[in-house]
C-alpha atoms as a PDB file:
ATOM      1  CA  UNK A   1       0.000   0.000   0.000  1.00  0.00           C
ATOM      2  CA  UNK A   2       1.233   3.449  -0.920  1.00  0.00           C
ATOM      3  CA  UNK A   3       1.655   5.891   1.959  1.00  0.00           C
ATOM      4  CA  UNK A   4       0.027   9.300   1.603  1.00  0.00           C
ATOM      5  CA  UNK A   5       1.079  12.639   3.024  1.00  0.00           C
ATOM      6  CA  UNK A   6      -1.367  14.120   5.502  1.00  0.00           C
ATOM      7  CA  UNK A   7      -1.579  17.289   7.511  1.00  0.00           C
ATOM      8  CA  UNK A   8      -3.648  19.022  10.162  1.00  0.00           C
ATOM      9  CA  UNK A   9      -4.104  22.765  10.052  1.00  0.00           C
ATOM     10  CA  UNK A  10      -6.012  25.250  12.205  1.00  0.00           C
ATOM     11  CA  UNK A  11      -7.687  28.434  11.044  1.00  0.00           C
ATOM     12  CA  UNK A  12     -10.290  30.815  12.429  1.00  0.00           C
ATOM     13  CA  UNK A  13     -13.743  29.280  11.955  1.00  0.00           C
ATOM     14  CA  UNK A  14     -15.376  31.789   9.637  1.00  0.00           C
ATOM     15  CA  UNK A  15     -17.955  31.356   6.862  1.00  0.00           C
ATOM     16  CA  UNK A  16     -16.730  28.808   4.305  1.00  0.00           C
ATOM     17  CA  UNK A  17     -13.560  28.153   6.332  1.00  0.00           C
ATOM     18  CA  UNK A  18     -13.162  24.644   4.881  1.00  0.00           C
ATOM     19  CA  UNK A  19     -13.143  25.992   1.316  1.00  0.00           C
ATOM     20  CA  UNK A  20     -10.643  28.692   2.301  1.00  0.00           C
ATOM     21  CA  UNK A  21      -8.319  26.108   3.887  1.00  0.00           C
ATOM     22  CA  UNK A  22      -8.414  23.946   0.786  1.00  0.00           C
ATOM     23  CA  UNK A  23      -7.613  26.845  -1.559  1.00  0.00           C
ATOM     24  CA  UNK A  24      -4.826  28.154   0.726  1.00  0.00           C
ATOM     25  CA  UNK A  25      -3.118  24.756   1.104  1.00  0.00           C
ATOM     26  CA  UNK A  26      -3.361  23.935  -2.591  1.00  0.00           C
ATOM     27  CA  UNK A  27      -1.992  27.368  -3.482  1.00  0.00           C
ATOM     28  CA  UNK A  28       0.889  27.095  -1.023  1.00  0.00           C
ATOM     29  CA  UNK A  29       1.933  23.543  -1.894  1.00  0.00           C
ATOM     30  CA  UNK A  30       0.860  23.008  -5.493  1.00  0.00           C
ATOM     31  CA  UNK A  31      -0.721  19.693  -4.432  1.00  0.00           C
ATOM     32  CA  UNK A  32      -4.398  18.760  -4.581  1.00  0.00           C
ATOM     33  CA  UNK A  33      -5.885  18.157  -1.141  1.00  0.00           C
ATOM     34  CA  UNK A  34      -8.833  16.165   0.125  1.00  0.00           C
ATOM     35  CA  UNK A  35     -10.250  17.309   3.475  1.00  0.00           C
ATOM     36  CA  UNK A  36     -11.169  14.167   5.401  1.00  0.00           C
ATOM     37  CA  UNK A  37     -12.144  15.308   8.890  1.00  0.00           C
ATOM     38  CA  UNK A  38     -12.784  18.566  10.687  1.00  0.00           C
ATOM     39  CA  UNK A  39     -12.998  19.525  14.320  1.00  0.00           C
ATOM     40  CA  UNK A  40     -14.571  22.679  15.682  1.00  0.00           C
ATOM     41  CA  UNK A  41     -12.406  23.863  18.566  1.00  0.00           C
ATOM     42  CA  UNK A  42     -13.842  27.023  20.154  1.00  0.00           C
ATOM     43  CA  UNK A  43     -13.376  29.733  17.503  1.00  0.00           C
ATOM     44  CA  UNK A  44     -11.015  27.627  15.355  1.00  0.00           C
ATOM     45  CA  UNK A  45     -11.515  24.973  12.726  1.00  0.00           C
ATOM     46  CA  UNK A  46      -8.989  22.131  12.672  1.00  0.00           C
ATOM     47  CA  UNK A  47      -8.899  20.247   9.370  1.00  0.00           C
ATOM     48  CA  UNK A  48      -7.171  16.957   8.654  1.00  0.00           C
ATOM     49  CA  UNK A  49      -6.493  16.468   4.978  1.00  0.00           C
ATOM     50  CA  UNK A  50      -4.747  14.157   2.580  1.00  0.00           C
ATOM     51  CA  UNK A  51      -2.467  15.548  -0.099  1.00  0.00           C
ATOM     52  CA  UNK A  52      -3.769  13.460  -2.983  1.00  0.00           C
ATOM     53  CA  UNK A  53      -0.873  13.732  -5.426  1.00  0.00           C
ATOM     54  CA  UNK A  54       2.118  14.102  -3.124  1.00  0.00           C
ATOM     55  CA  UNK A  55       3.497  10.584  -2.755  1.00  0.00           C
ATOM     56  CA  UNK A  56       7.098  11.750  -2.487  1.00  0.00           C
ATOM     57  CA  UNK A  57       6.526  15.056  -0.698  1.00  0.00           C
ATOM     58  CA  UNK A  58       8.519  15.598   2.472  1.00  0.00           C
ATOM     59  CA  UNK A  59       5.963  16.490   5.202  1.00  0.00           C
ATOM     60  CA  UNK A  60       8.288  19.067   6.793  1.00  0.00           C
ATOM     61  CA  UNK A  61       8.738  20.915   3.495  1.00  0.00           C
ATOM     62  CA  UNK A  62       4.978  20.914   2.942  1.00  0.00           C
ATOM     63  CA  UNK A  63       4.478  22.480   6.389  1.00  0.00           C
ATOM     64  CA  UNK A  64       7.075  25.188   5.699  1.00  0.00           C
ATOM     65  CA  UNK A  65       5.517  26.048   2.341  1.00  0.00           C
ATOM     66  CA  UNK A  66       2.125  26.515   4.001  1.00  0.00           C
ATOM     67  CA  UNK A  67       3.508  28.571   6.879  1.00  0.00           C
ATOM     68  CA  UNK A  68       5.354  30.880   4.458  1.00  0.00           C
ATOM     69  CA  UNK A  69       2.530  31.613   2.058  1.00  0.00           C
ATOM     70  CA  UNK A  70      -0.854  30.773   3.613  1.00  0.00           C
ATOM     71  CA  UNK A  71      -1.994  33.554   5.900  1.00  0.00           C
ATOM     72  CA  UNK A  72      -4.267  32.585   8.757  1.00  0.00           C
ATOM     73  CA  UNK A  73      -3.297  28.911   8.735  1.00  0.00           C
ATOM     74  CA  UNK A  74      -1.348  27.198  11.475  1.00  0.00           C
ATOM     75  CA  UNK A  75       0.159  23.817  10.609  1.00  0.00           C
ATOM     76  CA  UNK A  76      -0.399  21.546  13.606  1.00  0.00           C
ATOM     77  CA  UNK A  77       1.197  18.376  12.219  1.00  0.00           C
ATOM     78  CA  UNK A  78       2.280  16.598   9.059  1.00  0.00           C
ATOM     79  CA  UNK A  79       2.967  12.898   8.540  1.00  0.00           C
ATOM     80  CA  UNK A  80       2.978  10.027   6.092  1.00  0.00           C
ATOM     81  CA  UNK A  81       0.300   7.424   6.615  1.00  0.00           C
ATOM     82  CA  UNK A  82      -0.063   3.916   5.254  1.00  0.00           C
ATOM     83  CA  UNK A  83      -3.716   3.036   4.624  1.00  0.00           C
ATOM     84  CA  UNK A  84      -5.216   0.623   7.154  1.00  0.00           C
ATOM     85  CA  UNK A  85      -5.136  -2.988   6.050  1.00  0.00           C
ATOM     86  CA  UNK A  86      -8.734  -3.586   7.176  1.00  0.00           C
ATOM     87  CA  UNK A  87     -11.843  -1.529   7.537  1.00  0.00           C
ATOM     88  CA  UNK A  88     -13.063  -0.610  11.017  1.00  0.00           C
ATOM     89  CA  UNK A  89     -16.062  -2.403  12.494  1.00  0.00           C
ATOM     90  CA  UNK A  90     -19.358  -0.594  11.822  1.00  0.00           C
ATOM     91  CA  UNK A  91     -20.505   1.631  14.683  1.00  0.00           C
ATOM     92  CA  UNK A  92     -24.093   2.726  15.207  1.00  0.00           C
ATOM     93  CA  UNK A  93     -24.994   6.357  15.788  1.00  0.00           C
ATOM     94  CA  UNK A  94     -26.852   7.698  18.815  1.00  0.00           C
ATOM     95  CA  UNK A  95     -29.057   9.776  16.509  1.00  0.00           C
ATOM     96  CA  UNK A  96     -29.729   9.690  12.773  1.00  0.00           C
ATOM     97  CA  UNK A  97     -31.238  12.589  10.849  1.00  0.00           C
ATOM     98  CA  UNK A  98     -32.655  11.704   7.436  1.00  0.00           C
ATOM     99  CA  UNK A  99     -34.200  15.024   6.438  1.00  0.00           C
ATOM    100  CA  UNK A 100     -32.111  18.170   5.958  1.00  0.00           C
ATOM    101  CA  UNK A 101     -35.026  20.321   7.157  1.00  0.00           C
ATOM    102  CA  UNK A 102     -35.376  18.359  10.441  1.00  0.00           C
ATOM    103  CA  UNK A 103     -34.205  19.960  13.689  1.00  0.00           C
ATOM    104  CA  UNK A 104     -30.687  18.686  14.384  1.00  0.00           C
ATOM    105  CA  UNK A 105     -27.592  19.717  16.332  1.00  0.00           C
ATOM    106  CA  UNK A 106     -25.497  22.438  14.695  1.00  0.00           C
ATOM    107  CA  UNK A 107     -22.547  20.028  14.363  1.00  0.00           C
ATOM    108  CA  UNK A 108     -24.746  17.737  12.222  1.00  0.00           C
ATOM    109  CA  UNK A 109     -25.902  20.664  10.098  1.00  0.00           C
ATOM    110  CA  UNK A 110     -22.262  21.703   9.632  1.00  0.00           C
ATOM    111  CA  UNK A 111     -21.243  18.165   8.601  1.00  0.00           C
ATOM    112  CA  UNK A 112     -24.027  18.096   5.998  1.00  0.00           C
ATOM    113  CA  UNK A 113     -23.130  21.562   4.683  1.00  0.00           C
ATOM    114  CA  UNK A 114     -19.400  20.802   4.400  1.00  0.00           C
ATOM    115  CA  UNK A 115     -19.950  17.130   3.370  1.00  0.00           C
ATOM    116  CA  UNK A 116     -17.253  15.971   5.784  1.00  0.00           C
ATOM    117  CA  UNK A 117     -17.246  14.227   9.185  1.00  0.00           C
ATOM    118  CA  UNK A 118     -17.250  16.928  11.859  1.00  0.00           C
ATOM    119  CA  UNK A 119     -16.389  16.672  15.564  1.00  0.00           C
ATOM    120  CA  UNK A 120     -17.070  19.274  18.232  1.00  0.00           C
ATOM    121  CA  UNK A 121     -16.377  19.466  21.964  1.00  0.00           C
ATOM    122  CA  UNK A 122     -19.164  20.749  24.178  1.00  0.00           C
ATOM    123  CA  UNK A 123     -18.323  21.750  27.715  1.00  0.00           C
ATOM    124  CA  UNK A 124     -20.907  21.381  30.480  1.00  0.00           C
ATOM    125  CA  UNK A 125     -24.065  23.256  29.547  1.00  0.00           C
ATOM    126  CA  UNK A 126     -23.072  24.370  26.020  1.00  0.00           C
ATOM    127  CA  UNK A 127     -25.210  22.500  23.521  1.00  0.00           C
ATOM    128  CA  UNK A 128     -24.878  19.052  25.093  1.00  0.00           C
ATOM    129  CA  UNK A 129     -27.709  16.589  25.354  1.00  0.00           C
ATOM    130  CA  UNK A 130     -29.557  17.538  28.516  1.00  0.00           C
ATOM    131  CA  UNK A 131     -27.236  20.543  28.924  1.00  0.00           C
ATOM    132  CA  UNK A 132     -25.214  18.952  31.714  1.00  0.00           C
ATOM    133  CA  UNK A 133     -22.463  16.606  30.557  1.00  0.00           C
ATOM    134  CA  UNK A 134     -19.279  17.618  28.727  1.00  0.00           C
ATOM    135  CA  UNK A 135     -18.802  15.489  25.631  1.00  0.00           C
ATOM    136  CA  UNK A 136     -17.541  15.192  22.081  1.00  0.00           C
ATOM    137  CA  UNK A 137     -20.065  14.984  19.253  1.00  0.00           C
ATOM    138  CA  UNK A 138     -19.196  13.429  15.899  1.00  0.00           C
ATOM    139  CA  UNK A 139     -21.499  14.008  12.940  1.00  0.00           C
ATOM    140  CA  UNK A 140     -20.954  11.777   9.908  1.00  0.00           C
ATOM    141  CA  UNK A 141     -22.780  12.606   6.665  1.00  0.00           C
ATOM    142  CA  UNK A 142     -23.591   9.882   4.130  1.00  0.00           C
ATOM    143  CA  UNK A 143     -25.226  10.158   0.723  1.00  0.00           C
ATOM    144  CA  UNK A 144     -27.680   7.293   0.297  1.00  0.00           C
ATOM    145  CA  UNK A 145     -28.106   5.354  -2.935  1.00  0.00           C
ATOM    146  CA  UNK A 146     -31.257   7.396  -3.700  1.00  0.00           C
ATOM    147  CA  UNK A 147     -29.159  10.594  -3.589  1.00  0.00           C
ATOM    148  CA  UNK A 148     -30.522  11.886  -0.287  1.00  0.00           C
ATOM    149  CA  UNK A 149     -28.163  12.705   2.573  1.00  0.00           C
ATOM    150  CA  UNK A 150     -28.389  11.437   6.121  1.00  0.00           C
ATOM    151  CA  UNK A 151     -26.188  12.287   9.084  1.00  0.00           C
ATOM    152  CA  UNK A 152     -25.456  10.159  12.135  1.00  0.00           C
ATOM    153  CA  UNK A 153     -24.338  11.672  15.437  1.00  0.00           C
ATOM    154  CA  UNK A 154     -22.255   9.878  18.048  1.00  0.00           C
ATOM    155  CA  UNK A 155     -21.310  11.184  21.484  1.00  0.00           C
ATOM    156  CA  UNK A 156     -18.363  10.414  23.736  1.00  0.00           C
ATOM    157  CA  UNK A 157     -17.566  11.692  27.210  1.00  0.00           C
ATOM    158  CA  UNK A 158     -14.076  12.807  28.183  1.00  0.00           C
ATOM    159  CA  UNK A 159     -12.036  15.485  26.467  1.00  0.00           C
ATOM    160  CA  UNK A 160      -9.071  13.166  25.813  1.00  0.00           C
ATOM    161  CA  UNK A 161     -11.362  10.645  24.079  1.00  0.00           C
ATOM    162  CA  UNK A 162     -11.689  12.734  20.925  1.00  0.00           C
ATOM    163  CA  UNK A 163     -12.903  11.307  17.634  1.00  0.00           C
ATOM    164  CA  UNK A 164     -10.721  10.650  14.563  1.00  0.00           C
ATOM    165  CA  UNK A 165     -11.025   9.626  10.916  1.00  0.00           C
ATOM    166  CA  UNK A 166     -11.257   5.939  11.821  1.00  0.00           C
ATOM    167  CA  UNK A 167     -14.269   6.674  14.082  1.00  0.00           C
ATOM    168  CA  UNK A 168     -15.893   8.535  11.186  1.00  0.00           C
ATOM    169  CA  UNK A 169     -15.291   5.570   8.855  1.00  0.00           C
ATOM    170  CA  UNK A 170     -16.867   3.206  11.410  1.00  0.00           C
ATOM    171  CA  UNK A 171     -19.861   5.549  11.727  1.00  0.00           C
ATOM    172  CA  UNK A 172     -20.205   5.761   7.936  1.00  0.00           C
ATOM    173  CA  UNK A 173     -20.219   1.955   7.718  1.00  0.00           C
ATOM    174  CA  UNK A 174     -22.829   1.790  10.483  1.00  0.00           C
ATOM    175  CA  UNK A 175     -25.081   4.200   8.594  1.00  0.00           C
ATOM    176  CA  UNK A 176     -24.655   2.264   5.346  1.00  0.00           C
ATOM    177  CA  UNK A 177     -25.720  -1.036   6.896  1.00  0.00           C
END
């Protein structure tokens, strides 16, 4: 399996921030990028992306190119990753929303809008279920075979137990089954 170059960047979470990140990184590096996961962290958006055509790119050089020419982006990490040899086990969602006009958490609406798995930390009382417990929410959008989108939401307690791309893949498989 061919390793791919990946990176995580942070930027202020403004309107269309994901699109801005993609354009900035592609402009700074000359490589096409595929955002794979995003995390809303207070007023920032953290995006994990794969550089799709950068098989031989040195991650450190990619980071320096972004830092030099992309204003408003902070490179958090870069690495080379070998694709997993097996798919994760399907994981069911705590809630599933199958109509875009249905009331749903803002993190689910954001995942549908950006068409990317989205995680968000909620401290006690700020948008959590029941308004009491601090927890992570992960919203995973899936386009069904009939063309309609659904989004599944999972929750996890404990700040250090954050979600990742593999959790999103497991949630996507759970929604597809």
